[in-house]
Amino acid sequence: MKKKLVYAAFSTLAMTFVSLPAMAAEAAASAASGDYAKVVVVAVSIFSAALVMAVGTLLTAHGQGRALTEAMNAVGRNPEAQGKILTTLMVGLAMIESLAIYALVVALVIIYANPLIKLIS
């Protein structure tokens, strides 16, 4: 469990530092004009988006791993039900994967369609 938490922390920091140069030009232009509130909102938005993606993907990956483990255990106990278990597993994995896509949409909204930046401008 500790190893997973360390991995989650490092992936959050990596996503934050990778996305910082992408927003640096906009933040530098805002800072040059003296609009420091916009710089703070952009910086917090980048960190929030990185956190959303890190937590969202970590938890969905954990959920998919658990689902696959339980499906394999069920097939091992009852091999005749493999078709029904596989069908249910695929539907469940698609639903779990949609949660990661929702996390991506939230992160993109936080970065590119942030309503707080429009309020400050």
N, C-alpha and C. Protein backbone atom coordinates (compact mmCIF):
# COMPACT_ATOMS: atom_id res chain seq x y z
N MET A 1 0.82 -1.19 0.00
CA MET A 1 0.00 0.00 0.00
C MET A 1 0.87 1.26 0.00
N LYS A 2 1.96 1.23 0.76
CA LYS A 2 2.84 2.38 0.82
C LYS A 2 3.48 2.65 -0.55
N LYS A 3 3.81 1.59 -1.26
CA LYS A 3 4.41 1.73 -2.58
C LYS A 3 3.44 2.39 -3.55
N LYS A 4 2.15 2.07 -3.44
CA LYS A 4 1.14 2.68 -4.30
C LYS A 4 0.99 4.17 -4.00
N LEU A 5 1.03 4.53 -2.73
CA LEU A 5 0.92 5.94 -2.36
C LEU A 5 2.12 6.75 -2.86
N VAL A 6 3.30 6.15 -2.78
CA VAL A 6 4.49 6.83 -3.29
C VAL A 6 4.38 6.99 -4.80
N TYR A 7 3.89 5.97 -5.49
CA TYR A 7 3.70 6.05 -6.94
C TYR A 7 2.69 7.13 -7.29
N ALA A 8 1.60 7.21 -6.53
CA ALA A 8 0.58 8.24 -6.78
C ALA A 8 1.15 9.63 -6.56
N ALA A 9 1.95 9.80 -5.51
CA ALA A 9 2.54 11.11 -5.24
C ALA A 9 3.51 11.52 -6.35
N PHE A 10 4.35 10.59 -6.77
CA PHE A 10 5.29 10.91 -7.85
C PHE A 10 4.59 11.19 -9.17
N SER A 11 3.53 10.45 -9.47
CA SER A 11 2.82 10.70 -10.73
C SER A 11 2.09 12.04 -10.68
N THR A 12 1.58 12.42 -9.52
CA THR A 12 0.96 13.75 -9.39
C THR A 12 1.98 14.85 -9.61
N LEU A 13 3.13 14.72 -8.98
CA LEU A 13 4.17 15.72 -9.17
C LEU A 13 4.68 15.76 -10.61
N ALA A 14 4.82 14.60 -11.22
CA ALA A 14 5.29 14.55 -12.61
C ALA A 14 4.30 15.23 -13.54
N MET A 15 3.02 14.95 -13.36
CA MET A 15 2.02 15.60 -14.21
C MET A 15 2.00 17.10 -13.99
N THR A 16 2.21 17.53 -12.77
CA THR A 16 2.23 18.96 -12.49
C THR A 16 3.41 19.62 -13.17
N PHE A 17 4.58 19.04 -13.04
CA PHE A 17 5.78 19.66 -13.62
C PHE A 17 5.82 19.56 -15.13
N VAL A 18 5.18 18.54 -15.69
CA VAL A 18 5.13 18.44 -17.15
C VAL A 18 4.18 19.50 -17.72
N SER A 19 3.09 19.78 -17.01
CA SER A 19 2.11 20.73 -17.54
C SER A 19 2.47 22.18 -17.26
N LEU A 20 3.40 22.43 -16.36
CA LEU A 20 3.77 23.82 -16.05
C LEU A 20 4.35 24.58 -17.24
N PRO A 21 5.27 24.03 -18.01
CA PRO A 21 5.78 24.79 -19.16
C PRO A 21 4.71 25.10 -20.21
N ALA A 22 3.69 24.26 -20.29
CA ALA A 22 2.64 24.50 -21.26
C ALA A 22 1.86 25.77 -20.95
N MET A 23 1.75 26.09 -19.69
CA MET A 23 1.02 27.29 -19.28
C MET A 23 1.93 28.47 -18.94
N ALA A 24 3.21 28.29 -19.09
CA ALA A 24 4.15 29.33 -18.66
C ALA A 24 4.02 30.61 -19.49
N ALA A 25 3.76 30.50 -20.76
CA ALA A 25 3.66 31.68 -21.61
C ALA A 25 2.49 32.55 -21.19
N GLU A 26 1.35 31.94 -20.94
CA GLU A 26 0.18 32.71 -20.52
C GLU A 26 0.40 33.34 -19.16
N ALA A 27 0.98 32.59 -18.25
CA ALA A 27 1.24 33.12 -16.92
C ALA A 27 2.26 34.25 -16.96
N ALA A 28 3.28 34.11 -17.82
CA ALA A 28 4.30 35.16 -17.93
C ALA A 28 3.68 36.43 -18.50
N ALA A 29 2.80 36.31 -19.46
CA ALA A 29 2.15 37.48 -20.02
C ALA A 29 1.27 38.16 -18.98
N SER A 30 0.58 37.37 -18.16
CA SER A 30 -0.26 37.94 -17.11
C SER A 30 0.58 38.60 -16.03
N ALA A 31 1.71 37.97 -15.69
CA ALA A 31 2.58 38.55 -14.67
C ALA A 31 3.22 39.85 -15.17
N ALA A 32 3.54 39.90 -16.46
CA ALA A 32 4.15 41.11 -17.01
C ALA A 32 3.16 42.27 -16.96
N SER A 33 1.89 41.97 -17.09
CA SER A 33 0.89 43.03 -17.04
C SER A 33 0.47 43.34 -15.61
N GLY A 34 1.00 42.61 -14.64
CA GLY A 34 0.70 42.89 -13.23
C GLY A 34 -0.54 42.18 -12.73
N ASP A 35 -1.07 41.23 -13.47
CA ASP A 35 -2.27 40.51 -13.10
C ASP A 35 -1.89 39.23 -12.36
N TYR A 36 -1.49 39.39 -11.11
CA TYR A 36 -0.99 38.24 -10.35
C TYR A 36 -2.11 37.31 -9.91
N ALA A 37 -3.33 37.80 -9.80
CA ALA A 37 -4.44 36.94 -9.42
C ALA A 37 -4.67 35.88 -10.49
N LYS A 38 -4.52 36.28 -11.76
CA LYS A 38 -4.69 35.32 -12.85
C LYS A 38 -3.59 34.27 -12.83
N VAL A 39 -2.37 34.68 -12.48
CA VAL A 39 -1.26 33.74 -12.40
C VAL A 39 -1.53 32.70 -11.31
N VAL A 40 -2.05 33.13 -10.18
CA VAL A 40 -2.35 32.21 -9.09
C VAL A 40 -3.46 31.25 -9.50
N VAL A 41 -4.50 31.76 -10.15
CA VAL A 41 -5.59 30.90 -10.59
C VAL A 41 -5.09 29.87 -11.59
N VAL A 42 -4.24 30.27 -12.52
CA VAL A 42 -3.70 29.33 -13.51
C VAL A 42 -2.84 28.27 -12.82
N ALA A 43 -2.01 28.68 -11.88
CA ALA A 43 -1.14 27.73 -11.18
C ALA A 43 -1.96 26.72 -10.36
N VAL A 44 -2.97 27.21 -9.67
CA VAL A 44 -3.82 26.31 -8.88
C VAL A 44 -4.62 25.40 -9.81
N SER A 45 -5.03 25.92 -10.96
CA SER A 45 -5.77 25.10 -11.93
C SER A 45 -4.91 23.96 -12.45
N ILE A 46 -3.65 24.25 -12.75
CA ILE A 46 -2.75 23.21 -13.24
C ILE A 46 -2.54 22.13 -12.19
N PHE A 47 -2.31 22.55 -10.96
CA PHE A 47 -2.12 21.57 -9.89
C PHE A 47 -3.39 20.76 -9.66
N SER A 48 -4.55 21.41 -9.71
CA SER A 48 -5.82 20.70 -9.51
C SER A 48 -6.07 19.69 -10.62
N ALA A 49 -5.77 20.08 -11.86
CA ALA A 49 -5.96 19.15 -12.98
C ALA A 49 -5.04 17.95 -12.85
N ALA A 50 -3.79 18.19 -12.44
CA ALA A 50 -2.86 17.08 -12.25
C ALA A 50 -3.33 16.15 -11.13
N LEU A 51 -3.84 16.73 -10.07
CA LEU A 51 -4.35 15.92 -8.96
C LEU A 51 -5.57 15.11 -9.37
N VAL A 52 -6.48 15.74 -10.12
CA VAL A 52 -7.67 15.02 -10.60
C VAL A 52 -7.26 13.83 -11.47
N MET A 53 -6.34 14.04 -12.38
CA MET A 53 -5.93 12.96 -13.27
C MET A 53 -5.18 11.86 -12.52
N ALA A 54 -4.33 12.25 -11.60
CA ALA A 54 -3.56 11.24 -10.85
C ALA A 54 -4.49 10.38 -10.00
N VAL A 55 -5.37 11.01 -9.26
CA VAL A 55 -6.27 10.25 -8.39
C VAL A 55 -7.27 9.46 -9.23
N GLY A 56 -7.80 10.10 -10.28
CA GLY A 56 -8.78 9.42 -11.12
C GLY A 56 -8.22 8.19 -11.80
N THR A 57 -7.04 8.29 -12.36
CA THR A 57 -6.47 7.13 -13.04
C THR A 57 -5.98 6.07 -12.06
N LEU A 58 -5.47 6.50 -10.92
CA LEU A 58 -5.02 5.53 -9.93
C LEU A 58 -6.18 4.69 -9.41
N LEU A 59 -7.29 5.35 -9.09
CA LEU A 59 -8.42 4.61 -8.55
C LEU A 59 -9.11 3.75 -9.61
N THR A 60 -9.20 4.23 -10.84
CA THR A 60 -9.81 3.39 -11.87
C THR A 60 -8.93 2.19 -12.20
N ALA A 61 -7.62 2.37 -12.19
CA ALA A 61 -6.72 1.24 -12.43
C ALA A 61 -6.86 0.21 -11.30
N HIS A 62 -6.98 0.69 -10.08
CA HIS A 62 -7.17 -0.21 -8.94
C HIS A 62 -8.49 -0.97 -9.09
N GLY A 63 -9.55 -0.26 -9.50
CA GLY A 63 -10.85 -0.90 -9.69
C GLY A 63 -10.83 -1.94 -10.79
N GLN A 64 -10.14 -1.65 -11.88
CA GLN A 64 -10.05 -2.61 -12.97
C GLN A 64 -9.25 -3.85 -12.55
N GLY A 65 -8.20 -3.64 -11.80
CA GLY A 65 -7.41 -4.77 -11.31
C GLY A 65 -8.22 -5.67 -10.39
N ARG A 66 -8.99 -5.04 -9.51
CA ARG A 66 -9.82 -5.84 -8.60
C ARG A 66 -10.90 -6.60 -9.36
N ALA A 67 -11.51 -5.94 -10.35
CA ALA A 67 -12.56 -6.61 -11.14
C ALA A 67 -11.99 -7.80 -11.89
N LEU A 68 -10.83 -7.64 -12.49
CA LEU A 68 -10.21 -8.72 -13.23
C LEU A 68 -9.82 -9.87 -12.30
N THR A 69 -9.31 -9.55 -11.14
CA THR A 69 -8.95 -10.58 -10.16
C THR A 69 -10.16 -11.40 -9.74
N GLU A 70 -11.24 -10.69 -9.42
CA GLU A 70 -12.44 -11.41 -8.99
C GLU A 70 -13.06 -12.22 -10.12
N ALA A 71 -12.98 -11.72 -11.35
CA ALA A 71 -13.51 -12.48 -12.49
C ALA A 71 -12.69 -13.75 -12.71
N MET A 72 -11.40 -13.65 -12.58
CA MET A 72 -10.55 -14.85 -12.75
C MET A 72 -10.80 -15.85 -11.63
N ASN A 73 -11.03 -15.36 -10.42
CA ASN A 73 -11.37 -16.27 -9.32
C ASN A 73 -12.70 -16.96 -9.58
N ALA A 74 -13.67 -16.21 -10.12
CA ALA A 74 -14.98 -16.79 -10.40
C ALA A 74 -14.89 -17.83 -11.51
N VAL A 75 -14.11 -17.58 -12.55
CA VAL A 75 -13.93 -18.55 -13.63
C VAL A 75 -13.21 -19.79 -13.10
N GLY A 76 -12.26 -19.59 -12.21
CA GLY A 76 -11.55 -20.73 -11.62
C GLY A 76 -12.46 -21.62 -10.80
N ARG A 77 -13.43 -21.02 -10.13
CA ARG A 77 -14.36 -21.80 -9.31
C ARG A 77 -15.47 -22.44 -10.14
N ASN A 78 -15.88 -21.74 -11.22
CA ASN A 78 -17.00 -22.23 -12.02
C ASN A 78 -16.69 -22.03 -13.51
N PRO A 79 -15.92 -22.92 -14.13
CA PRO A 79 -15.51 -22.73 -15.52
C PRO A 79 -16.66 -22.71 -16.52
N GLU A 80 -17.79 -23.34 -16.17
CA GLU A 80 -18.92 -23.38 -17.10
C GLU A 80 -19.55 -22.00 -17.31
N ALA A 81 -19.38 -21.12 -16.35
CA ALA A 81 -19.99 -19.78 -16.41
C ALA A 81 -19.05 -18.74 -17.02
N GLN A 82 -18.03 -19.19 -17.72
CA GLN A 82 -17.02 -18.27 -18.25
C GLN A 82 -17.62 -17.23 -19.20
N GLY A 83 -18.55 -17.61 -20.06
CA GLY A 83 -19.15 -16.68 -21.02
C GLY A 83 -19.90 -15.56 -20.34
N LYS A 84 -20.73 -15.89 -19.35
CA LYS A 84 -21.48 -14.86 -18.62
C LYS A 84 -20.55 -13.96 -17.82
N ILE A 85 -19.54 -14.56 -17.21
CA ILE A 85 -18.61 -13.77 -16.40
C ILE A 85 -17.82 -12.83 -17.29
N LEU A 86 -17.39 -13.30 -18.45
CA LEU A 86 -16.62 -12.46 -19.37
C LEU A 86 -17.46 -11.30 -19.89
N THR A 87 -18.72 -11.56 -20.22
CA THR A 87 -19.59 -10.49 -20.69
C THR A 87 -19.80 -9.43 -19.61
N THR A 88 -20.08 -9.88 -18.41
CA THR A 88 -20.28 -8.95 -17.30
C THR A 88 -18.99 -8.19 -16.99
N LEU A 89 -17.86 -8.86 -17.09
CA LEU A 89 -16.57 -8.22 -16.84
C LEU A 89 -16.32 -7.11 -17.85
N MET A 90 -16.58 -7.37 -19.12
CA MET A 90 -16.32 -6.36 -20.16
C MET A 90 -17.20 -5.13 -19.97
N VAL A 91 -18.46 -5.34 -19.63
CA VAL A 91 -19.35 -4.20 -19.37
C VAL A 91 -18.87 -3.43 -18.15
N GLY A 92 -18.49 -4.14 -17.11
CA GLY A 92 -17.99 -3.48 -15.91
C GLY A 92 -16.71 -2.70 -16.15
N LEU A 93 -15.79 -3.28 -16.93
CA LEU A 93 -14.54 -2.57 -17.23
C LEU A 93 -14.79 -1.32 -18.08
N ALA A 94 -15.76 -1.40 -18.97
CA ALA A 94 -16.11 -0.20 -19.76
C ALA A 94 -16.67 0.89 -18.87
N MET A 95 -17.48 0.52 -17.89
CA MET A 95 -18.02 1.52 -16.96
C MET A 95 -16.92 2.12 -16.09
N ILE A 96 -16.00 1.29 -15.64
CA ILE A 96 -14.90 1.79 -14.83
C ILE A 96 -14.01 2.72 -15.66
N GLU A 97 -13.76 2.35 -16.91
CA GLU A 97 -12.92 3.18 -17.79
C GLU A 97 -13.58 4.53 -18.07
N SER A 98 -14.91 4.55 -18.10
CA SER A 98 -15.59 5.83 -18.32
C SER A 98 -15.31 6.81 -17.19
N LEU A 99 -15.06 6.31 -15.99
CA LEU A 99 -14.72 7.21 -14.88
C LEU A 99 -13.39 7.90 -15.13
N ALA A 100 -12.43 7.21 -15.73
CA ALA A 100 -11.16 7.84 -16.07
C ALA A 100 -11.35 8.90 -17.14
N ILE A 101 -12.26 8.65 -18.09
CA ILE A 101 -12.55 9.65 -19.12
C ILE A 101 -13.23 10.87 -18.50
N TYR A 102 -14.11 10.66 -17.52
CA TYR A 102 -14.73 11.79 -16.83
C TYR A 102 -13.67 12.61 -16.09
N ALA A 103 -12.70 11.95 -15.48
CA ALA A 103 -11.62 12.67 -14.81
C ALA A 103 -10.82 13.49 -15.81
N LEU A 104 -10.59 12.95 -17.01
CA LEU A 104 -9.89 13.71 -18.05
C LEU A 104 -10.70 14.93 -18.47
N VAL A 105 -12.00 14.77 -18.63
CA VAL A 105 -12.86 15.90 -19.01
C VAL A 105 -12.82 16.97 -17.93
N VAL A 106 -12.90 16.58 -16.68
CA VAL A 106 -12.84 17.55 -15.58
C VAL A 106 -11.49 18.28 -15.59
N ALA A 107 -10.41 17.55 -15.80
CA ALA A 107 -9.09 18.18 -15.84
C ALA A 107 -8.98 19.16 -17.00
N LEU A 108 -9.50 18.81 -18.15
CA LEU A 108 -9.45 19.71 -19.30
C LEU A 108 -10.31 20.95 -19.07
N VAL A 109 -11.45 20.79 -18.43
CA VAL A 109 -12.29 21.95 -18.10
C VAL A 109 -11.58 22.86 -17.11
N ILE A 110 -10.92 22.27 -16.13
CA ILE A 110 -10.20 23.07 -15.14
C ILE A 110 -9.10 23.88 -15.81
N ILE A 111 -8.42 23.30 -16.78
CA ILE A 111 -7.31 24.01 -17.42
C ILE A 111 -7.79 25.00 -18.48
N TYR A 112 -8.64 24.57 -19.39
CA TYR A 112 -8.93 25.39 -20.57
C TYR A 112 -10.22 26.19 -20.49
N ALA A 113 -11.19 25.76 -19.74
CA ALA A 113 -12.47 26.49 -19.66
C ALA A 113 -12.76 26.91 -18.24
N ASN A 114 -11.73 27.35 -17.54
CA ASN A 114 -11.85 27.71 -16.14
C ASN A 114 -12.68 28.98 -15.99
N PRO A 115 -13.83 28.93 -15.31
CA PRO A 115 -14.65 30.12 -15.17
C PRO A 115 -14.03 31.17 -14.25
N LEU A 116 -13.13 30.76 -13.37
CA LEU A 116 -12.50 31.74 -12.47
C LEU A 116 -11.62 32.72 -13.21
N ILE A 117 -10.97 32.28 -14.28
CA ILE A 117 -10.12 33.19 -15.06
C ILE A 117 -10.97 34.26 -15.72
N LYS A 118 -12.17 33.89 -16.18
CA LYS A 118 -13.06 34.86 -16.80
C LYS A 118 -13.59 35.86 -15.77
N LEU A 119 -13.77 35.44 -14.53
CA LEU A 119 -14.24 36.35 -13.49
C LEU A 119 -13.16 37.36 -13.11
N ILE A 120 -11.90 36.93 -13.14
CA ILE A 120 -10.80 37.80 -12.75
C ILE A 120 -10.49 38.82 -13.85
N SER A 121 -10.62 38.40 -15.11
CA SER A 121 -10.25 39.28 -16.23
C SER A 121 -11.09 40.52 -16.31
